[in-house]
Amino acid sequence: MPSVTDKQFGLDEFIAMKVKKIRLHEGLKITDVSRISGISQGMISKIENAQVSTSLETLNRLCSALGLPISNLFSDFDRQDSTAQFTKAGKGIEVVRRGTDKGHTYHLLRYHRGPKQSFEPFLVTMDDLSEVFPTFSHPGEEFVYILEGKLTYRHGNHIYQMEAGDSLTFDSEIPHGPEKLIEAPIKLLSLMHYGDREQP
């Protein structure tokens, strides 16, 4: 279900929201605005509840009473639509990846249809200290950020001691992966960047 922040407003709804917000911010009652603007209380109430499409003349009088230039009333209405993808905490899609059979849990935080993806963000959870890990190798670059726990992480011939707040960025074609879990559970954010190449 879309949240309040997902809602797209029509013009009447947008005007209603903005007029009411300004009136409340100025500490004015509908009766005050009605007296100053000469617009009936019933009409102002209908405007604030998006129950009527009113004339520019009425809007101009209403804006004058509120101390709001009418040009400012519409200033944010034609903003470009958002194409952001919002993922609520705990709502990432659990997917199978190359570490699933080793006990890793992967939650994909961005879903994009189609064979090509420029990047994929994962929340990875590991909780078995006795796990033995394979190394991974795939096209692109990877960014790993530790959210919780401690581990050693191998990239090529280098081993990095990592804990919460540490990050690592590397060429993911070079073999890499967790070497040893030190303090579980471990949660890490893995951002895989593929550029124009096919995802692995």
N, C-alpha and C. Protein backbone atom coordinates (compact mmCIF):
# COMPACT_ATOMS: atom_id res chain seq x y z
N MET A 1 0.84 -1.19 0.00
CA MET A 1 0.00 0.00 0.00
C MET A 1 0.88 1.25 0.00
N PRO A 2 0.62 2.22 -0.87
CA PRO A 2 1.45 3.42 -0.92
C PRO A 2 1.37 4.18 0.39
N SER A 3 2.46 4.81 0.79
CA SER A 3 2.46 5.64 1.98
C SER A 3 2.00 7.03 1.59
N VAL A 4 1.83 7.91 2.59
CA VAL A 4 1.40 9.28 2.32
C VAL A 4 2.38 9.96 1.38
N THR A 5 3.68 9.64 1.53
CA THR A 5 4.69 10.29 0.71
C THR A 5 4.65 9.82 -0.74
N ASP A 6 3.92 8.72 -1.00
CA ASP A 6 3.84 8.21 -2.36
C ASP A 6 2.72 8.89 -3.16
N LYS A 7 1.85 9.63 -2.48
CA LYS A 7 0.63 10.13 -3.12
C LYS A 7 0.94 11.22 -4.14
N GLN A 8 0.28 11.11 -5.28
CA GLN A 8 0.37 12.16 -6.29
C GLN A 8 -0.89 13.02 -6.19
N PHE A 9 -0.72 14.32 -6.04
CA PHE A 9 -1.86 15.21 -5.87
C PHE A 9 -2.29 15.81 -7.19
N GLY A 10 -3.64 15.90 -7.37
CA GLY A 10 -4.18 16.68 -8.46
C GLY A 10 -4.09 18.14 -8.08
N LEU A 11 -4.42 19.04 -9.00
CA LEU A 11 -4.27 20.48 -8.74
C LEU A 11 -5.14 20.93 -7.58
N ASP A 12 -6.41 20.50 -7.55
CA ASP A 12 -7.30 20.91 -6.46
C ASP A 12 -6.78 20.43 -5.11
N GLU A 13 -6.29 19.19 -5.06
CA GLU A 13 -5.75 18.65 -3.81
C GLU A 13 -4.49 19.39 -3.39
N PHE A 14 -3.67 19.73 -4.38
CA PHE A 14 -2.43 20.46 -4.10
C PHE A 14 -2.74 21.84 -3.52
N ILE A 15 -3.69 22.55 -4.14
CA ILE A 15 -4.09 23.87 -3.64
C ILE A 15 -4.65 23.74 -2.23
N ALA A 16 -5.50 22.74 -2.02
CA ALA A 16 -6.11 22.53 -0.70
C ALA A 16 -5.03 22.33 0.36
N MET A 17 -4.07 21.48 0.07
CA MET A 17 -3.00 21.18 1.02
C MET A 17 -2.19 22.44 1.34
N LYS A 18 -1.86 23.20 0.29
CA LYS A 18 -0.98 24.35 0.48
C LYS A 18 -1.70 25.48 1.22
N VAL A 19 -2.95 25.74 0.86
CA VAL A 19 -3.72 26.81 1.51
C VAL A 19 -3.90 26.51 2.99
N LYS A 20 -4.29 25.29 3.30
CA LYS A 20 -4.52 24.92 4.71
C LYS A 20 -3.21 24.99 5.51
N LYS A 21 -2.13 24.53 4.89
CA LYS A 21 -0.82 24.55 5.57
C LYS A 21 -0.41 25.98 5.91
N ILE A 22 -0.57 26.91 4.96
CA ILE A 22 -0.21 28.31 5.19
C ILE A 22 -1.11 28.92 6.26
N ARG A 23 -2.41 28.64 6.17
CA ARG A 23 -3.35 29.21 7.16
C ARG A 23 -3.00 28.77 8.58
N LEU A 24 -2.73 27.46 8.74
CA LEU A 24 -2.39 26.94 10.06
C LEU A 24 -1.05 27.48 10.54
N HIS A 25 -0.12 27.62 9.61
CA HIS A 25 1.21 28.14 9.96
C HIS A 25 1.10 29.58 10.48
N GLU A 26 0.17 30.34 9.89
CA GLU A 26 -0.01 31.73 10.31
C GLU A 26 -0.91 31.85 11.54
N GLY A 27 -1.44 30.71 12.01
CA GLY A 27 -2.30 30.73 13.19
C GLY A 27 -3.66 31.37 12.94
N LEU A 28 -4.14 31.28 11.71
CA LEU A 28 -5.42 31.91 11.34
C LEU A 28 -6.55 30.89 11.35
N LYS A 29 -7.73 31.36 11.77
CA LYS A 29 -8.94 30.53 11.69
C LYS A 29 -9.63 30.82 10.36
N ILE A 30 -10.46 29.90 9.94
CA ILE A 30 -11.20 30.10 8.68
C ILE A 30 -12.03 31.38 8.77
N THR A 31 -12.57 31.66 9.98
CA THR A 31 -13.37 32.89 10.14
C THR A 31 -12.52 34.14 9.88
N ASP A 32 -11.25 34.10 10.32
CA ASP A 32 -10.35 35.25 10.10
C ASP A 32 -10.11 35.46 8.61
N VAL A 33 -9.81 34.35 7.91
CA VAL A 33 -9.52 34.44 6.47
C VAL A 33 -10.75 34.90 5.71
N SER A 34 -11.91 34.40 6.13
CA SER A 34 -13.17 34.78 5.48
C SER A 34 -13.41 36.28 5.61
N ARG A 35 -13.19 36.80 6.81
CA ARG A 35 -13.42 38.23 7.06
C ARG A 35 -12.49 39.11 6.22
N ILE A 36 -11.21 38.70 6.14
CA ILE A 36 -10.22 39.51 5.42
C ILE A 36 -10.40 39.41 3.91
N SER A 37 -10.72 38.21 3.42
CA SER A 37 -10.79 37.99 1.97
C SER A 37 -12.15 38.27 1.37
N GLY A 38 -13.19 38.25 2.21
CA GLY A 38 -14.53 38.42 1.67
C GLY A 38 -15.07 37.15 1.05
N ILE A 39 -14.40 36.04 1.28
CA ILE A 39 -14.86 34.73 0.76
C ILE A 39 -15.57 34.01 1.90
N SER A 40 -16.71 33.37 1.60
CA SER A 40 -17.48 32.72 2.65
C SER A 40 -16.69 31.60 3.32
N GLN A 41 -16.99 31.35 4.59
CA GLN A 41 -16.32 30.28 5.33
C GLN A 41 -16.55 28.93 4.65
N GLY A 42 -17.78 28.74 4.14
CA GLY A 42 -18.11 27.48 3.47
C GLY A 42 -17.23 27.25 2.24
N MET A 43 -17.00 28.33 1.48
CA MET A 43 -16.16 28.20 0.27
C MET A 43 -14.71 27.89 0.65
N ILE A 44 -14.20 28.58 1.67
CA ILE A 44 -12.82 28.34 2.11
C ILE A 44 -12.67 26.90 2.57
N SER A 45 -13.66 26.40 3.31
CA SER A 45 -13.63 25.02 3.78
C SER A 45 -13.62 24.04 2.61
N LYS A 46 -14.42 24.35 1.58
CA LYS A 46 -14.47 23.48 0.40
C LYS A 46 -13.13 23.50 -0.35
N ILE A 47 -12.51 24.68 -0.43
CA ILE A 47 -11.21 24.79 -1.10
C ILE A 47 -10.18 23.97 -0.34
N GLU A 48 -10.19 24.07 0.99
CA GLU A 48 -9.21 23.35 1.81
C GLU A 48 -9.42 21.85 1.81
N ASN A 49 -10.61 21.41 1.43
CA ASN A 49 -10.89 19.98 1.38
C ASN A 49 -10.99 19.45 -0.05
N ALA A 50 -10.51 20.28 -1.00
CA ALA A 50 -10.48 19.90 -2.42
C ALA A 50 -11.85 19.47 -2.93
N GLN A 51 -12.89 20.17 -2.47
CA GLN A 51 -14.25 19.83 -2.88
C GLN A 51 -14.78 20.75 -3.97
N VAL A 52 -13.94 21.69 -4.40
CA VAL A 52 -14.39 22.64 -5.41
C VAL A 52 -13.18 23.12 -6.21
N SER A 53 -13.41 23.39 -7.50
CA SER A 53 -12.40 24.05 -8.32
C SER A 53 -12.80 25.52 -8.39
N THR A 54 -11.96 26.37 -7.87
CA THR A 54 -12.33 27.78 -7.75
C THR A 54 -11.62 28.63 -8.81
N SER A 55 -12.12 29.85 -8.97
CA SER A 55 -11.56 30.76 -9.98
C SER A 55 -10.24 31.35 -9.50
N LEU A 56 -9.47 31.85 -10.46
CA LEU A 56 -8.21 32.51 -10.12
C LEU A 56 -8.46 33.76 -9.29
N GLU A 57 -9.55 34.44 -9.56
CA GLU A 57 -9.88 35.65 -8.79
C GLU A 57 -10.07 35.31 -7.31
N THR A 58 -10.81 34.22 -7.05
CA THR A 58 -11.05 33.79 -5.66
C THR A 58 -9.74 33.36 -5.02
N LEU A 59 -8.93 32.62 -5.77
CA LEU A 59 -7.64 32.18 -5.24
C LEU A 59 -6.74 33.37 -4.93
N ASN A 60 -6.79 34.38 -5.79
CA ASN A 60 -5.97 35.57 -5.59
C ASN A 60 -6.37 36.29 -4.30
N ARG A 61 -7.68 36.41 -4.05
CA ARG A 61 -8.16 37.04 -2.81
C ARG A 61 -7.77 36.21 -1.60
N LEU A 62 -7.86 34.90 -1.74
CA LEU A 62 -7.51 34.00 -0.64
C LEU A 62 -6.02 34.10 -0.32
N CYS A 63 -5.20 34.11 -1.37
CA CYS A 63 -3.75 34.21 -1.18
C CYS A 63 -3.37 35.55 -0.56
N SER A 64 -4.03 36.62 -0.99
CA SER A 64 -3.76 37.95 -0.43
C SER A 64 -4.05 37.96 1.07
N ALA A 65 -5.15 37.33 1.46
CA ALA A 65 -5.51 37.28 2.88
C ALA A 65 -4.49 36.49 3.69
N LEU A 66 -3.87 35.51 3.06
CA LEU A 66 -2.88 34.66 3.74
C LEU A 66 -1.47 35.23 3.66
N GLY A 67 -1.31 36.31 2.87
CA GLY A 67 0.03 36.87 2.68
C GLY A 67 0.90 36.01 1.80
N LEU A 68 0.27 35.27 0.89
CA LEU A 68 0.98 34.35 0.00
C LEU A 68 0.86 34.83 -1.44
N PRO A 69 1.96 35.18 -2.12
CA PRO A 69 1.87 35.54 -3.54
C PRO A 69 1.27 34.36 -4.32
N ILE A 70 0.32 34.64 -5.18
CA ILE A 70 -0.36 33.55 -5.88
C ILE A 70 0.61 32.72 -6.73
N SER A 71 1.69 33.35 -7.20
CA SER A 71 2.68 32.59 -7.98
C SER A 71 3.32 31.50 -7.12
N ASN A 72 3.47 31.78 -5.82
CA ASN A 72 4.06 30.78 -4.91
C ASN A 72 3.12 29.62 -4.65
N LEU A 73 1.83 29.85 -4.85
CA LEU A 73 0.85 28.78 -4.61
C LEU A 73 1.11 27.59 -5.53
N PHE A 74 1.55 27.88 -6.76
CA PHE A 74 1.74 26.81 -7.75
C PHE A 74 3.21 26.43 -7.94
N SER A 75 4.11 27.03 -7.15
CA SER A 75 5.54 26.89 -7.43
C SER A 75 6.06 25.46 -7.39
N ASP A 76 5.47 24.62 -6.56
CA ASP A 76 5.97 23.24 -6.44
C ASP A 76 5.12 22.23 -7.18
N PHE A 77 4.02 22.68 -7.80
CA PHE A 77 3.08 21.71 -8.36
C PHE A 77 3.63 20.91 -9.53
N ASP A 78 4.43 21.56 -10.40
CA ASP A 78 4.89 20.89 -11.61
C ASP A 78 6.28 20.30 -11.46
N ARG A 79 6.66 19.96 -10.23
CA ARG A 79 7.95 19.29 -10.05
C ARG A 79 7.95 17.96 -10.79
N GLN A 80 9.14 17.56 -11.25
CA GLN A 80 9.27 16.30 -11.97
C GLN A 80 8.87 15.14 -11.06
N ASP A 81 8.14 14.18 -11.61
CA ASP A 81 7.72 13.02 -10.83
C ASP A 81 8.93 12.25 -10.33
N SER A 82 8.80 11.71 -9.14
CA SER A 82 9.87 10.92 -8.56
C SER A 82 9.88 9.52 -9.18
N THR A 83 11.08 9.04 -9.49
CA THR A 83 11.22 7.66 -9.97
C THR A 83 11.95 6.83 -8.92
N ALA A 84 12.01 7.37 -7.69
CA ALA A 84 12.71 6.67 -6.62
C ALA A 84 11.98 5.38 -6.26
N GLN A 85 12.74 4.40 -5.83
CA GLN A 85 12.15 3.14 -5.37
C GLN A 85 12.40 3.02 -3.88
N PHE A 86 11.33 2.99 -3.10
CA PHE A 86 11.41 2.98 -1.64
C PHE A 86 11.24 1.55 -1.14
N THR A 87 12.18 1.10 -0.29
CA THR A 87 12.09 -0.22 0.30
C THR A 87 12.04 -0.07 1.81
N LYS A 88 10.93 -0.45 2.41
CA LYS A 88 10.75 -0.36 3.86
C LYS A 88 11.66 -1.35 4.56
N ALA A 89 12.11 -1.00 5.77
CA ALA A 89 12.98 -1.88 6.55
C ALA A 89 12.36 -3.28 6.66
N GLY A 90 13.16 -4.28 6.35
CA GLY A 90 12.71 -5.66 6.45
C GLY A 90 11.87 -6.13 5.27
N LYS A 91 11.70 -5.28 4.26
CA LYS A 91 10.83 -5.63 3.13
C LYS A 91 11.60 -5.92 1.84
N GLY A 92 12.94 -6.01 1.91
CA GLY A 92 13.69 -6.37 0.71
C GLY A 92 13.31 -7.78 0.26
N ILE A 93 13.42 -8.03 -1.03
CA ILE A 93 13.04 -9.34 -1.57
C ILE A 93 14.15 -10.34 -1.31
N GLU A 94 13.83 -11.44 -0.62
CA GLU A 94 14.84 -12.46 -0.38
C GLU A 94 15.10 -13.21 -1.69
N VAL A 95 16.37 -13.30 -2.07
CA VAL A 95 16.73 -13.91 -3.34
C VAL A 95 17.84 -14.94 -3.13
N VAL A 96 18.00 -15.80 -4.12
CA VAL A 96 19.06 -16.81 -4.10
C VAL A 96 20.26 -16.25 -4.85
N ARG A 97 21.41 -16.27 -4.19
CA ARG A 97 22.65 -15.83 -4.81
C ARG A 97 23.72 -16.89 -4.57
N ARG A 98 24.94 -16.56 -4.98
CA ARG A 98 26.00 -17.55 -4.92
C ARG A 98 26.42 -17.93 -3.51
N GLY A 99 25.91 -17.37 -2.49
CA GLY A 99 26.30 -17.77 -1.14
C GLY A 99 25.14 -18.37 -0.36
N THR A 100 23.98 -18.49 -1.01
CA THR A 100 22.79 -18.97 -0.32
C THR A 100 23.00 -20.37 0.26
N ASP A 101 23.65 -21.25 -0.51
CA ASP A 101 23.84 -22.62 -0.03
C ASP A 101 24.87 -22.70 1.08
N LYS A 102 25.55 -21.59 1.37
CA LYS A 102 26.52 -21.55 2.47
C LYS A 102 25.93 -20.88 3.71
N GLY A 103 24.65 -20.59 3.67
CA GLY A 103 24.00 -20.02 4.84
C GLY A 103 23.83 -18.52 4.81
N HIS A 104 24.24 -17.87 3.73
CA HIS A 104 24.03 -16.42 3.63
C HIS A 104 22.56 -16.17 3.30
N THR A 105 22.02 -15.08 3.84
CA THR A 105 20.68 -14.64 3.46
C THR A 105 20.83 -13.32 2.72
N TYR A 106 20.27 -13.26 1.52
CA TYR A 106 20.37 -12.06 0.68
C TYR A 106 19.00 -11.41 0.52
N HIS A 107 18.92 -10.14 0.86
CA HIS A 107 17.71 -9.38 0.60
C HIS A 107 18.05 -8.29 -0.42
N LEU A 108 17.42 -8.38 -1.58
CA LEU A 108 17.63 -7.40 -2.64
C LEU A 108 16.84 -6.14 -2.29
N LEU A 109 17.53 -4.99 -2.24
CA LEU A 109 16.90 -3.74 -1.82
C LEU A 109 16.41 -2.90 -2.98
N ARG A 110 16.68 -3.35 -4.21
CA ARG A 110 16.19 -2.63 -5.40
C ARG A 110 15.78 -3.67 -6.42
N TYR A 111 14.58 -3.55 -6.95
CA TYR A 111 14.12 -4.50 -7.94
C TYR A 111 13.95 -3.80 -9.28
N HIS A 112 14.57 -4.36 -10.31
CA HIS A 112 14.52 -3.76 -11.64
C HIS A 112 14.28 -4.87 -12.65
N ARG A 113 13.24 -4.72 -13.46
CA ARG A 113 12.94 -5.73 -14.49
C ARG A 113 13.94 -5.63 -15.64
N GLY A 114 14.16 -6.73 -16.30
CA GLY A 114 15.02 -6.71 -17.47
C GLY A 114 16.33 -7.43 -17.23
N PRO A 115 16.99 -7.85 -18.31
CA PRO A 115 18.22 -8.64 -18.20
C PRO A 115 19.43 -7.84 -17.75
N LYS A 116 19.43 -6.53 -18.01
CA LYS A 116 20.60 -5.72 -17.67
C LYS A 116 20.28 -4.80 -16.50
N GLN A 117 21.20 -4.74 -15.56
CA GLN A 117 21.06 -3.86 -14.42
C GLN A 117 22.39 -3.16 -14.19
N SER A 118 22.34 -1.88 -13.87
CA SER A 118 23.58 -1.15 -13.66
C SER A 118 24.16 -1.44 -12.28
N PHE A 119 23.29 -1.71 -11.31
CA PHE A 119 23.79 -2.05 -9.97
C PHE A 119 22.72 -2.82 -9.21
N GLU A 120 23.15 -3.54 -8.17
CA GLU A 120 22.23 -4.24 -7.29
C GLU A 120 22.69 -4.07 -5.85
N PRO A 121 21.81 -3.58 -4.96
CA PRO A 121 22.15 -3.47 -3.54
C PRO A 121 21.56 -4.64 -2.76
N PHE A 122 22.38 -5.28 -1.93
CA PHE A 122 21.92 -6.41 -1.12
C PHE A 122 22.19 -6.16 0.35
N LEU A 123 21.29 -6.61 1.19
CA LEU A 123 21.54 -6.72 2.63
C LEU A 123 21.84 -8.19 2.88
N VAL A 124 23.07 -8.48 3.31
CA VAL A 124 23.51 -9.87 3.47
C VAL A 124 23.65 -10.16 4.97
N THR A 125 23.08 -11.30 5.40
CA THR A 125 23.16 -11.71 6.80
C THR A 125 23.88 -13.04 6.89
N MET A 126 24.84 -13.14 7.81
CA MET A 126 25.58 -14.38 8.08
C MET A 126 25.63 -14.59 9.59
N ASP A 127 25.31 -15.80 10.04
CA ASP A 127 25.26 -16.00 11.50
C ASP A 127 25.92 -17.29 12.00
N ASP A 128 26.58 -18.03 11.15
CA ASP A 128 27.22 -19.28 11.56
C ASP A 128 28.74 -19.10 11.58
N LEU A 129 29.31 -19.02 12.78
CA LEU A 129 30.75 -18.75 12.91
C LEU A 129 31.62 -19.86 12.32
N SER A 130 31.06 -21.05 12.13
CA SER A 130 31.86 -22.17 11.63
C SER A 130 31.81 -22.29 10.11
N GLU A 131 31.12 -21.36 9.45
CA GLU A 131 31.00 -21.45 8.00
C GLU A 131 32.36 -21.40 7.31
N VAL A 132 32.50 -22.16 6.24
CA VAL A 132 33.67 -22.09 5.36
C VAL A 132 33.15 -21.51 4.04
N PHE A 133 33.81 -20.46 3.57
CA PHE A 133 33.27 -19.74 2.43
C PHE A 133 34.05 -20.00 1.15
N PRO A 134 33.34 -20.09 0.05
CA PRO A 134 34.02 -20.11 -1.24
C PRO A 134 34.39 -18.69 -1.60
N THR A 135 35.20 -18.51 -2.62
CA THR A 135 35.46 -17.16 -3.11
C THR A 135 34.52 -16.88 -4.27
N PHE A 136 34.24 -15.63 -4.48
CA PHE A 136 33.33 -15.21 -5.53
C PHE A 136 34.10 -14.39 -6.56
N SER A 137 33.64 -14.42 -7.78
CA SER A 137 34.24 -13.63 -8.85
C SER A 137 33.16 -13.34 -9.88
N HIS A 138 33.00 -12.07 -10.21
CA HIS A 138 31.98 -11.69 -11.18
C HIS A 138 32.35 -10.32 -11.76
N PRO A 139 31.80 -9.95 -12.89
CA PRO A 139 32.14 -8.68 -13.52
C PRO A 139 31.74 -7.49 -12.66
N GLY A 140 32.45 -6.40 -12.84
CA GLY A 140 32.05 -5.15 -12.21
C GLY A 140 32.87 -4.79 -10.98
N GLU A 141 32.29 -3.88 -10.20
CA GLU A 141 32.90 -3.43 -8.95
C GLU A 141 31.93 -3.71 -7.82
N GLU A 142 32.47 -3.80 -6.60
CA GLU A 142 31.61 -4.05 -5.45
C GLU A 142 32.01 -3.15 -4.29
N PHE A 143 31.00 -2.72 -3.56
CA PHE A 143 31.21 -1.94 -2.34
C PHE A 143 30.58 -2.71 -1.19
N VAL A 144 31.34 -2.96 -0.13
CA VAL A 144 30.84 -3.69 1.03
C VAL A 144 30.94 -2.78 2.25
N TYR A 145 29.84 -2.67 2.99
CA TYR A 145 29.81 -1.85 4.20
C TYR A 145 29.28 -2.71 5.34
N ILE A 146 30.04 -2.80 6.43
CA ILE A 146 29.65 -3.64 7.56
C ILE A 146 28.70 -2.87 8.48
N LEU A 147 27.52 -3.43 8.68
CA LEU A 147 26.52 -2.82 9.55
C LEU A 147 26.59 -3.37 10.97
N GLU A 148 26.95 -4.65 11.09
CA GLU A 148 26.94 -5.31 12.39
C GLU A 148 27.89 -6.49 12.36
N GLY A 149 28.59 -6.75 13.49
CA GLY A 149 29.47 -7.91 13.60
C GLY A 149 30.90 -7.63 13.18
N LYS A 150 31.73 -8.69 13.20
CA LYS A 150 33.13 -8.60 12.80
C LYS A 150 33.49 -9.80 11.95
N LEU A 151 34.37 -9.58 10.96
CA LEU A 151 34.83 -10.66 10.10
C LEU A 151 36.14 -10.26 9.44
N THR A 152 36.80 -11.24 8.84
CA THR A 152 37.92 -10.93 7.94
C THR A 152 37.41 -11.17 6.53
N TYR A 153 37.80 -10.29 5.62
CA TYR A 153 37.31 -10.33 4.25
C TYR A 153 38.50 -10.39 3.31
N ARG A 154 38.49 -11.35 2.39
CA ARG A 154 39.59 -11.54 1.45
C ARG A 154 39.27 -10.89 0.10
N HIS A 155 40.27 -10.20 -0.44
CA HIS A 155 40.19 -9.74 -1.83
C HIS A 155 41.54 -10.03 -2.45
N GLY A 156 41.57 -10.98 -3.38
CA GLY A 156 42.84 -11.42 -3.95
C GLY A 156 43.73 -11.99 -2.86
N ASN A 157 44.95 -11.47 -2.72
CA ASN A 157 45.88 -11.95 -1.70
C ASN A 157 45.84 -11.12 -0.42
N HIS A 158 44.91 -10.19 -0.32
CA HIS A 158 44.84 -9.33 0.86
C HIS A 158 43.67 -9.75 1.75
N ILE A 159 43.88 -9.68 3.06
CA ILE A 159 42.83 -9.97 4.03
C ILE A 159 42.61 -8.72 4.88
N TYR A 160 41.35 -8.31 5.00
CA TYR A 160 40.99 -7.10 5.73
C TYR A 160 40.18 -7.46 6.98
N GLN A 161 40.60 -6.91 8.12
CA GLN A 161 39.83 -7.05 9.36
C GLN A 161 38.72 -6.01 9.31
N MET A 162 37.47 -6.45 9.38
CA MET A 162 36.36 -5.50 9.22
C MET A 162 35.36 -5.62 10.37
N GLU A 163 34.83 -4.48 10.78
CA GLU A 163 33.80 -4.44 11.80
C GLU A 163 32.81 -3.34 11.44
N ALA A 164 31.78 -3.17 12.26
CA ALA A 164 30.71 -2.21 11.96
C ALA A 164 31.29 -0.82 11.64
N GLY A 165 30.87 -0.26 10.51
CA GLY A 165 31.33 1.05 10.08
C GLY A 165 32.43 0.99 9.04
N ASP A 166 33.09 -0.18 8.89
CA ASP A 166 34.15 -0.33 7.89
C ASP A 166 33.56 -0.61 6.52
N SER A 167 34.28 -0.19 5.48
CA SER A 167 33.82 -0.46 4.12
C SER A 167 35.00 -0.85 3.24
N LEU A 168 34.68 -1.48 2.13
CA LEU A 168 35.69 -1.96 1.19
C LEU A 168 35.12 -1.83 -0.22
N THR A 169 35.91 -1.26 -1.13
CA THR A 169 35.49 -1.15 -2.53
C THR A 169 36.54 -1.83 -3.38
N PHE A 170 36.12 -2.67 -4.34
CA PHE A 170 37.10 -3.46 -5.07
C PHE A 170 36.58 -3.93 -6.43
N ASP A 171 37.53 -4.35 -7.26
CA ASP A 171 37.25 -4.98 -8.54
C ASP A 171 36.73 -6.38 -8.24
N SER A 172 35.47 -6.64 -8.59
CA SER A 172 34.87 -7.91 -8.19
C SER A 172 35.21 -9.07 -9.13
N GLU A 173 36.01 -8.82 -10.17
CA GLU A 173 36.48 -9.95 -10.99
C GLU A 173 37.62 -10.68 -10.28
N ILE A 174 38.29 -9.99 -9.34
CA ILE A 174 39.33 -10.63 -8.53
C ILE A 174 38.64 -11.43 -7.44
N PRO A 175 39.01 -12.69 -7.23
CA PRO A 175 38.33 -13.53 -6.23
C PRO A 175 38.26 -12.83 -4.87
N HIS A 176 37.08 -12.92 -4.25
CA HIS A 176 36.84 -12.22 -3.00
C HIS A 176 35.76 -12.94 -2.19
N GLY A 177 35.65 -12.55 -0.95
CA GLY A 177 34.60 -13.10 -0.09
C GLY A 177 35.02 -13.14 1.36
N PRO A 178 34.07 -13.44 2.27
CA PRO A 178 34.41 -13.55 3.69
C PRO A 178 35.44 -14.66 3.92
N GLU A 179 36.44 -14.37 4.75
CA GLU A 179 37.46 -15.37 5.07
C GLU A 179 37.09 -16.09 6.37
N LYS A 180 36.70 -15.30 7.37
CA LYS A 180 36.34 -15.89 8.66
C LYS A 180 35.40 -14.95 9.39
N LEU A 181 34.34 -15.53 9.97
CA LEU A 181 33.43 -14.75 10.80
C LEU A 181 33.99 -14.72 12.22
N ILE A 182 34.09 -13.55 12.78
CA ILE A 182 34.66 -13.40 14.12
C ILE A 182 33.58 -13.15 15.16
N GLU A 183 32.64 -12.29 14.83
CA GLU A 183 31.55 -11.97 15.78
C GLU A 183 30.24 -11.91 15.01
N ALA A 184 29.35 -12.88 15.30
CA ALA A 184 28.07 -12.96 14.59
C ALA A 184 26.94 -12.51 15.52
N PRO A 185 25.78 -12.14 14.95
CA PRO A 185 25.48 -12.15 13.51
C PRO A 185 26.19 -11.00 12.79
N ILE A 186 26.41 -11.22 11.51
CA ILE A 186 27.04 -10.20 10.68
C ILE A 186 26.02 -9.74 9.65
N LYS A 187 25.88 -8.44 9.56
CA LYS A 187 25.03 -7.86 8.52
C LYS A 187 25.88 -6.90 7.72
N LEU A 188 25.83 -7.03 6.43
CA LEU A 188 26.59 -6.11 5.58
C LEU A 188 25.77 -5.69 4.38
N LEU A 189 26.06 -4.49 3.93
CA LEU A 189 25.44 -3.96 2.72
C LEU A 189 26.42 -4.19 1.58
N SER A 190 25.97 -4.87 0.54
CA SER A 190 26.82 -5.14 -0.62
C SER A 190 26.19 -4.46 -1.84
N LEU A 191 26.94 -3.56 -2.45
CA LEU A 191 26.46 -2.86 -3.64
C LEU A 191 27.30 -3.30 -4.82
N MET A 192 26.67 -4.01 -5.73
CA MET A 192 27.37 -4.53 -6.92
C MET A 192 27.07 -3.62 -8.11
N HIS A 193 28.12 -3.09 -8.72
CA HIS A 193 27.98 -2.18 -9.85
C HIS A 193 28.47 -2.88 -11.11
N TYR A 194 27.57 -2.99 -12.09
CA TYR A 194 27.91 -3.72 -13.31
C TYR A 194 28.19 -2.82 -14.50
N GLY A 195 27.84 -1.56 -14.43
CA GLY A 195 27.98 -0.70 -15.60
C GLY A 195 27.05 -1.17 -16.69
N ASP A 196 27.57 -1.33 -17.90
CA ASP A 196 26.73 -1.77 -19.02
C ASP A 196 26.79 -3.27 -19.22
N ARG A 197 27.49 -3.96 -18.33
CA ARG A 197 27.64 -5.40 -18.53
C ARG A 197 26.46 -6.17 -17.96
N GLU A 198 26.31 -7.41 -18.44
CA GLU A 198 25.27 -8.27 -17.93
C GLU A 198 25.54 -8.58 -16.46
N GLN A 199 24.48 -8.71 -15.65
CA GLN A 199 24.68 -9.12 -14.28
C GLN A 199 25.14 -10.57 -14.25
N PRO A 200 25.91 -10.98 -13.20
CA PRO A 200 26.39 -12.35 -13.15
C PRO A 200 25.26 -13.33 -12.85
